[in-house]
Protein backbone atom coordinates (compact mmCIF):
# COMPACT_ATOMS: atom_id res chain seq x y z
CA MET A 1 -15.17 -25.53 19.78
CA TYR A 2 -11.91 -26.05 17.93
CA LYS A 3 -13.04 -26.02 13.68
CA LEU A 4 -15.54 -23.32 15.15
CA LEU A 5 -12.53 -20.65 16.38
CA SER A 6 -10.61 -21.71 13.60
CA LEU A 7 -13.20 -21.00 10.90
CA ILE A 8 -13.41 -17.48 12.78
CA LEU A 9 -9.84 -16.58 12.50
CA LEU A 10 -9.40 -17.95 8.93
CA PHE A 11 -12.43 -15.45 7.91
CA SER A 12 -11.02 -12.69 10.15
CA SER A 13 -7.45 -13.06 8.65
CA LYS A 14 -9.41 -12.67 4.52
CA ALA A 15 -10.94 -9.61 6.01
CA SER A 16 -7.85 -7.39 7.19
CA ALA A 17 -5.80 -9.06 3.78
CA TYR A 18 -3.88 -7.50 1.26
CA ASP A 19 -3.64 -8.49 -2.42
CA GLY A 20 0.24 -8.34 -2.24
CA TRP A 21 3.43 -6.88 -1.64
CA SER A 22 5.78 -4.19 -3.71
CA ILE A 23 9.58 -4.19 -3.04
CA GLY A 24 11.89 -1.82 -4.01
CA SER A 25 13.50 1.78 -3.87
CA ILE A 26 11.33 4.64 -4.37
CA ASN A 27 12.18 6.09 -7.55
CA GLN A 28 9.94 9.54 -7.29
CA ILE A 29 7.02 10.75 -4.91
CA ARG A 30 3.94 13.37 -5.36
CA ILE A 31 2.16 15.73 -3.60
CA GLN A 32 -0.97 16.06 -3.85
CA GLU A 33 -4.27 17.58 -2.01
CA ALA A 34 -5.42 14.66 -0.66
CA ARG A 35 -2.86 11.60 -1.62
CA MET A 36 0.80 10.93 -2.71
CA LEU A 37 1.56 9.04 -5.41
CA ILE A 38 4.57 6.99 -5.84
CA VAL A 39 6.88 5.22 -8.07
CA GLN A 40 8.61 2.63 -6.95
CA GLU A 41 11.57 0.89 -8.84
CA SER A 42 10.27 -2.84 -9.87
CA ALA A 43 6.77 -1.46 -8.78
CA ASP A 44 4.36 -4.93 -8.14
CA ASN A 45 0.13 -4.48 -9.30
CA PRO A 46 -1.17 -7.68 -7.51
CA ALA A 47 -4.95 -6.23 -8.45
CA GLN A 48 -4.51 -5.86 -11.66
CA CYS A 49 -5.30 -1.85 -10.94
CA SER A 50 -6.10 -0.01 -14.46
CA ASN A 51 -3.62 2.23 -13.89
CA THR A 52 0.29 1.49 -13.10
CA ASP A 53 1.99 5.04 -13.55
CA TYR A 54 2.10 5.32 -9.04
CA LEU A 55 0.54 3.70 -6.33
CA TYR A 56 -1.44 5.82 -4.30
CA LEU A 57 -1.71 6.26 -0.26
CA THR A 58 -4.48 8.67 0.88
CA GLN A 59 -3.24 11.32 2.84
CA GLY A 60 -5.70 11.69 5.86
CA GLU A 61 -5.69 13.22 9.23
CA GLN A 62 -6.12 9.30 10.95
CA ILE A 63 -2.36 8.81 12.32
CA HIS A 64 -1.69 5.38 10.56
CA TYR A 65 -2.02 7.77 7.20
CA LYS A 66 0.44 10.37 8.34
CA ASN A 67 2.91 8.06 9.74
CA MET A 68 3.17 5.83 6.58
CA PHE A 69 3.43 9.44 4.40
CA SER A 70 6.39 10.74 7.53
CA ALA A 71 7.85 6.90 6.15
CA LEU A 72 8.06 7.26 2.84
CA LEU A 73 9.54 10.15 2.95
CA THR A 74 12.14 9.64 4.69
CA ALA A 75 12.88 6.36 2.78
CA TYR A 76 13.16 8.48 -0.28
CA ALA A 77 15.95 10.74 1.24
CA THR A 78 18.09 7.67 2.31
CA LYS A 79 17.33 5.43 -0.83
CA ALA A 80 16.17 2.64 1.83
CA GLU A 81 13.98 0.12 -0.20
CA VAL A 82 10.55 -0.34 1.03
CA ARG A 83 7.89 -3.22 1.20
CA LEU A 84 4.35 -1.72 0.66
CA ALA A 85 1.64 -3.90 1.11
CA LEU A 86 -1.01 -3.35 -1.35
CA LYS A 87 -5.01 -3.81 -1.17
CA GLY A 88 -7.45 -2.95 -3.82
CA CYS A 89 -7.56 0.67 -6.31
CA SER A 90 -7.77 3.65 -5.50
CA GLU A 91 -11.14 3.94 -7.76
CA GLY A 92 -12.72 0.83 -6.50
CA GLY A 93 -12.75 -2.76 -8.87
CA LYS A 94 -10.17 -2.93 -10.93
CA ASN A 95 -9.66 1.13 -11.85
CA GLY A 96 -7.27 3.62 -10.69
CA TYR A 97 -3.69 3.07 -9.00
CA PRO A 98 -2.82 0.26 -6.61
CA VAL A 99 -3.33 1.46 -3.05
CA ILE A 100 -1.05 1.24 -0.42
CA SER A 101 -2.12 -0.34 2.72
CA GLN A 102 0.91 -1.14 4.85
CA VAL A 103 4.95 0.06 4.53
CA TRP A 104 7.42 -1.67 5.69
CA ILE A 105 11.40 -0.15 5.66
CA GLN A 106 14.26 -2.01 4.95
């Protein structure tokens, strides 16, 4: 029973895992119709996405998107360091920008 529970926990954590973290201050924010594009000091690209000009945040009606949007604007205005969990690329596979999936303000 213990082994089965361990396997379930292992696979469930992998399903929601992220590729890595990007840590630093936000240098620029570009807001477009359905997305926010971030330029971060020393940005990382853990998924090896094809375009590293920006980090990508979807704009949507879900509360977590609104909260991340607000947190990033606040971090930019206060020059706070942020930790961004990145997961995948905006156009799928290795195409597009690294996608922001979590925001931590330092």
